[in-house]
């Protein structure tokens, strides 16, 4: 597993299942993510502009090859409906080699 390409997992949330599906499909179609999973609703509790808020959101989980993480972030910020979207990304420490090659767009052994 140590020889597999670097893979990132990244997260954001949106306020509807329709918006989540649209962003997921567009990210894959644009080639900025290999895969996007949508789950929800999840209940979010947060402060926005000093006011306590609660709402249902849908979480998008993106998988992207290491060299594509910056392109995904730029794409997401340009296409996300929130003024300040959640954007979290981390390097996956352990990735199956065949899956990592698929994410990278290469041939799967």
N, C-alpha and C. Protein backbone atom coordinates (compact mmCIF):
# COMPACT_ATOMS: atom_id res chain seq x y z
N UNK A 1 0.81 -1.20 0.00
CA UNK A 1 0.00 0.00 0.00
C UNK A 1 0.84 1.26 0.00
N UNK A 2 2.08 1.17 0.41
CA UNK A 2 2.92 2.37 0.48
C UNK A 2 3.33 2.87 -0.89
N UNK A 3 3.28 2.02 -1.93
CA UNK A 3 3.68 2.44 -3.27
C UNK A 3 2.53 3.03 -4.08
N UNK A 4 1.34 3.10 -3.50
CA UNK A 4 0.20 3.61 -4.24
C UNK A 4 0.26 5.14 -4.34
N UNK A 5 -0.37 5.72 -5.38
CA UNK A 5 -0.38 7.17 -5.53
C UNK A 5 -1.06 7.85 -4.35
N UNK A 6 -0.72 9.10 -4.11
CA UNK A 6 -1.34 9.87 -3.05
C UNK A 6 -2.80 10.14 -3.39
N UNK A 7 -3.68 9.89 -2.44
CA UNK A 7 -5.11 10.13 -2.59
C UNK A 7 -5.55 11.07 -1.48
N UNK A 8 -6.40 12.02 -1.82
CA UNK A 8 -7.00 12.90 -0.83
C UNK A 8 -8.48 12.59 -0.71
N UNK A 9 -8.99 12.78 0.49
CA UNK A 9 -10.42 12.72 0.76
C UNK A 9 -10.79 14.13 1.22
N UNK A 10 -11.86 14.68 0.64
CA UNK A 10 -12.25 16.05 0.97
C UNK A 10 -13.75 16.11 1.22
N UNK A 11 -14.16 17.05 2.05
CA UNK A 11 -15.57 17.17 2.45
C UNK A 11 -16.09 18.59 2.31
N UNK A 12 -17.37 18.65 1.98
CA UNK A 12 -18.11 19.89 2.06
C UNK A 12 -19.55 19.54 2.39
N UNK A 13 -20.37 20.53 2.66
CA UNK A 13 -21.79 20.32 2.90
C UNK A 13 -22.59 21.35 2.12
N UNK A 14 -23.84 20.98 1.80
CA UNK A 14 -24.78 21.88 1.14
C UNK A 14 -26.15 21.70 1.77
N UNK A 15 -27.09 22.57 1.41
CA UNK A 15 -28.38 22.60 2.10
C UNK A 15 -29.49 21.76 1.48
N UNK A 16 -29.21 21.01 0.43
CA UNK A 16 -30.27 20.17 -0.14
C UNK A 16 -29.68 18.96 -0.86
N UNK A 17 -30.49 17.92 -0.95
CA UNK A 17 -30.08 16.72 -1.68
C UNK A 17 -29.87 17.04 -3.16
N UNK A 18 -30.70 17.91 -3.71
CA UNK A 18 -30.60 18.27 -5.12
C UNK A 18 -29.28 18.99 -5.42
N UNK A 19 -28.91 19.92 -4.56
CA UNK A 19 -27.65 20.65 -4.75
C UNK A 19 -26.47 19.71 -4.58
N UNK A 20 -26.56 18.80 -3.62
CA UNK A 20 -25.48 17.83 -3.42
C UNK A 20 -25.30 16.96 -4.65
N UNK A 21 -26.41 16.46 -5.19
CA UNK A 21 -26.34 15.60 -6.38
C UNK A 21 -25.77 16.37 -7.57
N UNK A 22 -26.18 17.61 -7.73
CA UNK A 22 -25.70 18.43 -8.83
C UNK A 22 -24.19 18.68 -8.73
N UNK A 23 -23.72 19.07 -7.53
CA UNK A 23 -22.28 19.29 -7.34
C UNK A 23 -21.50 18.00 -7.56
N UNK A 24 -22.01 16.89 -7.03
CA UNK A 24 -21.32 15.61 -7.17
C UNK A 24 -21.18 15.24 -8.65
N UNK A 25 -22.27 15.29 -9.39
CA UNK A 25 -22.25 14.92 -10.81
C UNK A 25 -21.32 15.85 -11.59
N UNK A 26 -21.41 17.15 -11.33
CA UNK A 26 -20.58 18.11 -12.06
C UNK A 26 -19.09 17.95 -11.76
N UNK A 27 -18.76 17.63 -10.50
CA UNK A 27 -17.35 17.44 -10.14
C UNK A 27 -16.77 16.24 -10.88
N UNK A 28 -17.53 15.15 -10.95
CA UNK A 28 -17.05 13.97 -11.67
C UNK A 28 -16.99 14.26 -13.17
N UNK A 29 -18.03 14.90 -13.71
CA UNK A 29 -18.05 15.22 -15.14
C UNK A 29 -16.91 16.16 -15.53
N UNK A 30 -16.57 17.09 -14.63
CA UNK A 30 -15.49 18.05 -14.90
C UNK A 30 -14.11 17.42 -14.73
N UNK A 31 -14.07 16.22 -14.17
CA UNK A 31 -12.80 15.53 -13.98
C UNK A 31 -11.99 16.01 -12.79
N UNK A 32 -12.62 16.76 -11.87
CA UNK A 32 -11.88 17.24 -10.70
C UNK A 32 -11.99 16.29 -9.52
N UNK A 33 -12.83 15.25 -9.64
CA UNK A 33 -12.95 14.21 -8.61
C UNK A 33 -13.19 12.88 -9.31
N UNK A 34 -12.60 11.83 -8.76
CA UNK A 34 -12.83 10.50 -9.32
C UNK A 34 -14.17 9.95 -8.86
N UNK A 35 -14.56 10.33 -7.66
CA UNK A 35 -15.77 9.79 -7.05
C UNK A 35 -16.26 10.81 -6.02
N UNK A 36 -17.58 10.94 -5.91
CA UNK A 36 -18.16 11.77 -4.86
C UNK A 36 -19.31 10.97 -4.25
N UNK A 37 -19.29 10.85 -2.95
CA UNK A 37 -20.39 10.21 -2.24
C UNK A 37 -21.17 11.28 -1.50
N UNK A 38 -22.49 11.09 -1.47
CA UNK A 38 -23.38 12.03 -0.80
C UNK A 38 -24.09 11.30 0.32
N UNK A 39 -24.07 11.86 1.51
CA UNK A 39 -24.89 11.32 2.58
C UNK A 39 -25.62 12.42 3.31
N UNK A 40 -26.71 12.05 3.92
CA UNK A 40 -27.49 13.03 4.65
C UNK A 40 -28.96 12.68 4.61
N UNK A 41 -29.74 13.47 5.25
CA UNK A 41 -29.28 14.71 5.88
C UNK A 41 -28.51 14.47 7.17
N UNK A 42 -27.61 15.39 7.43
CA UNK A 42 -26.92 15.45 8.71
C UNK A 42 -27.36 16.76 9.37
N UNK A 43 -27.46 16.77 10.66
CA UNK A 43 -27.89 17.96 11.39
C UNK A 43 -26.65 18.76 11.77
N UNK A 44 -26.59 20.01 11.35
CA UNK A 44 -25.45 20.88 11.66
C UNK A 44 -25.86 21.93 12.68
N UNK A 45 -24.99 22.17 13.63
CA UNK A 45 -25.17 23.21 14.65
C UNK A 45 -23.96 24.12 14.53
N UNK A 46 -24.18 25.42 14.34
CA UNK A 46 -23.07 26.32 14.10
C UNK A 46 -23.50 27.76 14.37
N UNK A 47 -22.51 28.64 14.41
CA UNK A 47 -22.79 30.08 14.49
C UNK A 47 -22.43 30.70 13.16
N UNK A 48 -23.30 31.54 12.66
CA UNK A 48 -23.05 32.26 11.42
C UNK A 48 -23.36 33.72 11.68
N UNK A 49 -22.36 34.56 11.50
CA UNK A 49 -22.47 35.99 11.73
C UNK A 49 -23.03 36.27 13.13
N UNK A 50 -22.49 35.51 14.12
CA UNK A 50 -22.84 35.73 15.51
C UNK A 50 -24.15 35.11 15.97
N UNK A 51 -24.87 34.47 15.09
CA UNK A 51 -26.17 33.89 15.43
C UNK A 51 -26.10 32.37 15.41
N UNK A 52 -26.66 31.73 16.46
CA UNK A 52 -26.70 30.27 16.50
C UNK A 52 -27.67 29.76 15.45
N UNK A 53 -27.22 28.78 14.68
CA UNK A 53 -28.03 28.21 13.60
C UNK A 53 -28.07 26.69 13.73
N UNK A 54 -29.12 26.11 13.22
CA UNK A 54 -29.26 24.66 13.12
C UNK A 54 -29.92 24.37 11.80
N UNK A 55 -29.44 23.35 11.10
CA UNK A 55 -30.08 23.02 9.84
C UNK A 55 -29.64 21.67 9.32
N UNK A 56 -30.45 21.12 8.44
CA UNK A 56 -30.09 19.88 7.77
C UNK A 56 -29.18 20.20 6.59
N UNK A 57 -28.14 19.40 6.44
CA UNK A 57 -27.22 19.55 5.31
C UNK A 57 -26.91 18.17 4.75
N UNK A 58 -26.40 18.16 3.54
CA UNK A 58 -25.96 16.94 2.88
C UNK A 58 -24.45 17.03 2.71
N UNK A 59 -23.76 15.96 3.11
CA UNK A 59 -22.31 15.94 3.09
C UNK A 59 -21.83 15.29 1.79
N UNK A 60 -20.89 15.93 1.13
CA UNK A 60 -20.24 15.38 -0.05
C UNK A 60 -18.83 14.97 0.33
N UNK A 61 -18.46 13.75 -0.04
CA UNK A 61 -17.13 13.22 0.23
C UNK A 61 -16.47 12.96 -1.12
N UNK A 62 -15.42 13.70 -1.40
CA UNK A 62 -14.72 13.62 -2.68
C UNK A 62 -13.47 12.76 -2.54
N UNK A 63 -13.16 11.98 -3.57
CA UNK A 63 -11.89 11.28 -3.66
C UNK A 63 -11.16 11.81 -4.87
N UNK A 64 -9.89 12.18 -4.67
CA UNK A 64 -9.13 12.80 -5.75
C UNK A 64 -7.66 12.42 -5.61
N UNK A 65 -7.00 12.24 -6.75
CA UNK A 65 -5.57 11.98 -6.74
C UNK A 65 -4.85 13.23 -6.22
N UNK A 66 -3.72 13.00 -5.57
CA UNK A 66 -2.99 14.08 -4.90
C UNK A 66 -2.76 15.32 -5.72
N UNK A 67 -2.37 15.14 -6.98
CA UNK A 67 -2.06 16.32 -7.80
C UNK A 67 -3.31 17.09 -8.20
N UNK A 68 -4.49 16.53 -7.97
CA UNK A 68 -5.73 17.20 -8.35
C UNK A 68 -6.44 17.94 -7.23
N UNK A 69 -5.89 17.90 -6.01
CA UNK A 69 -6.60 18.50 -4.87
C UNK A 69 -6.76 20.01 -5.02
N UNK A 70 -5.76 20.69 -5.55
CA UNK A 70 -5.88 22.14 -5.72
C UNK A 70 -6.93 22.49 -6.76
N UNK A 71 -6.98 21.76 -7.86
CA UNK A 71 -7.99 22.00 -8.90
C UNK A 71 -9.39 21.76 -8.35
N UNK A 72 -9.55 20.71 -7.54
CA UNK A 72 -10.85 20.44 -6.93
C UNK A 72 -11.25 21.58 -6.01
N UNK A 73 -10.34 22.06 -5.20
CA UNK A 73 -10.65 23.16 -4.28
C UNK A 73 -11.05 24.42 -5.04
N UNK A 74 -10.33 24.77 -6.08
CA UNK A 74 -10.67 25.94 -6.89
C UNK A 74 -12.04 25.76 -7.52
N UNK A 75 -12.28 24.58 -8.10
CA UNK A 75 -13.56 24.28 -8.73
C UNK A 75 -14.70 24.38 -7.72
N UNK A 76 -14.50 23.78 -6.54
CA UNK A 76 -15.55 23.77 -5.53
C UNK A 76 -15.90 25.19 -5.09
N UNK A 77 -14.91 26.01 -4.82
CA UNK A 77 -15.18 27.37 -4.37
C UNK A 77 -15.90 28.18 -5.44
N UNK A 78 -15.65 27.90 -6.71
CA UNK A 78 -16.32 28.61 -7.80
C UNK A 78 -17.75 28.10 -8.02
N UNK A 79 -18.05 26.88 -7.58
CA UNK A 79 -19.36 26.28 -7.86
C UNK A 79 -20.24 26.08 -6.64
N UNK A 80 -19.72 26.30 -5.46
CA UNK A 80 -20.47 26.06 -4.22
C UNK A 80 -21.43 27.21 -3.96
N UNK A 81 -22.66 26.91 -3.53
CA UNK A 81 -23.63 28.00 -3.30
C UNK A 81 -23.41 28.79 -2.01
N UNK A 82 -22.62 28.29 -1.07
CA UNK A 82 -22.42 29.00 0.19
C UNK A 82 -21.38 30.10 0.03
N UNK A 83 -21.58 31.17 0.79
CA UNK A 83 -20.60 32.27 0.81
C UNK A 83 -19.26 31.78 1.35
N UNK A 84 -19.31 30.98 2.41
CA UNK A 84 -18.11 30.41 3.00
C UNK A 84 -18.34 28.91 3.18
N UNK A 85 -18.05 28.12 2.16
CA UNK A 85 -18.32 26.68 2.27
C UNK A 85 -17.33 25.97 3.18
N UNK A 86 -17.83 24.92 3.82
CA UNK A 86 -16.92 24.03 4.53
C UNK A 86 -16.00 23.40 3.49
N UNK A 87 -14.72 23.38 3.77
CA UNK A 87 -13.78 22.70 2.89
C UNK A 87 -12.70 22.08 3.76
N UNK A 88 -12.70 20.77 3.83
CA UNK A 88 -11.72 20.02 4.59
C UNK A 88 -11.13 18.97 3.67
N UNK A 89 -9.84 18.80 3.71
CA UNK A 89 -9.20 17.78 2.88
C UNK A 89 -8.05 17.18 3.66
N UNK A 90 -7.90 15.87 3.53
CA UNK A 90 -6.77 15.22 4.18
C UNK A 90 -6.24 14.10 3.28
N UNK A 91 -4.99 13.83 3.44
CA UNK A 91 -4.32 12.76 2.70
C UNK A 91 -4.74 11.43 3.33
N UNK A 92 -5.12 10.49 2.49
CA UNK A 92 -5.44 9.15 2.99
C UNK A 92 -4.14 8.42 3.30
N UNK A 93 -3.99 7.93 4.52
CA UNK A 93 -2.76 7.25 4.93
C UNK A 93 -2.64 5.85 4.36
N UNK A 94 -3.73 5.16 4.21
CA UNK A 94 -3.70 3.79 3.69
C UNK A 94 -4.76 3.67 2.60
N UNK A 95 -4.30 3.31 1.42
CA UNK A 95 -5.20 3.19 0.27
C UNK A 95 -4.84 1.91 -0.48
N UNK A 96 -5.83 1.12 -0.81
CA UNK A 96 -5.58 -0.05 -1.63
C UNK A 96 -4.95 0.40 -2.95
N UNK A 97 -3.91 -0.27 -3.37
CA UNK A 97 -3.16 0.14 -4.56
C UNK A 97 -4.03 0.18 -5.81
N UNK A 98 -4.87 -0.81 -6.01
CA UNK A 98 -5.73 -0.84 -7.20
C UNK A 98 -6.74 0.30 -7.16
N UNK A 99 -7.30 0.58 -5.98
CA UNK A 99 -8.25 1.69 -5.86
C UNK A 99 -7.54 3.02 -6.13
N UNK A 100 -6.34 3.18 -5.60
CA UNK A 100 -5.58 4.41 -5.81
C UNK A 100 -5.30 4.61 -7.30
N UNK A 101 -4.97 3.56 -8.01
CA UNK A 101 -4.74 3.69 -9.45
C UNK A 101 -6.02 4.08 -10.18
N UNK A 102 -7.15 3.53 -9.74
CA UNK A 102 -8.43 3.91 -10.35
C UNK A 102 -8.72 5.39 -10.11
N UNK A 103 -8.52 5.87 -8.88
CA UNK A 103 -8.74 7.29 -8.57
C UNK A 103 -7.86 8.16 -9.46
N UNK A 104 -6.63 7.72 -9.65
CA UNK A 104 -5.68 8.49 -10.46
C UNK A 104 -6.03 8.42 -11.96
N UNK A 105 -6.89 7.49 -12.33
CA UNK A 105 -7.30 7.39 -13.73
C UNK A 105 -6.47 6.41 -14.54
N UNK A 106 -5.67 5.63 -13.85
CA UNK A 106 -4.84 4.67 -14.54
C UNK A 106 -5.49 3.30 -14.65
N UNK A 107 -4.82 2.39 -15.32
CA UNK A 107 -5.37 1.03 -15.45
C UNK A 107 -5.32 0.31 -14.11
N UNK A 108 -6.39 -0.38 -13.80
CA UNK A 108 -6.46 -1.15 -12.56
C UNK A 108 -5.94 -2.55 -12.86
N UNK A 109 -4.96 -3.02 -12.05
CA UNK A 109 -4.38 -4.36 -12.31
C UNK A 109 -5.40 -5.46 -12.10
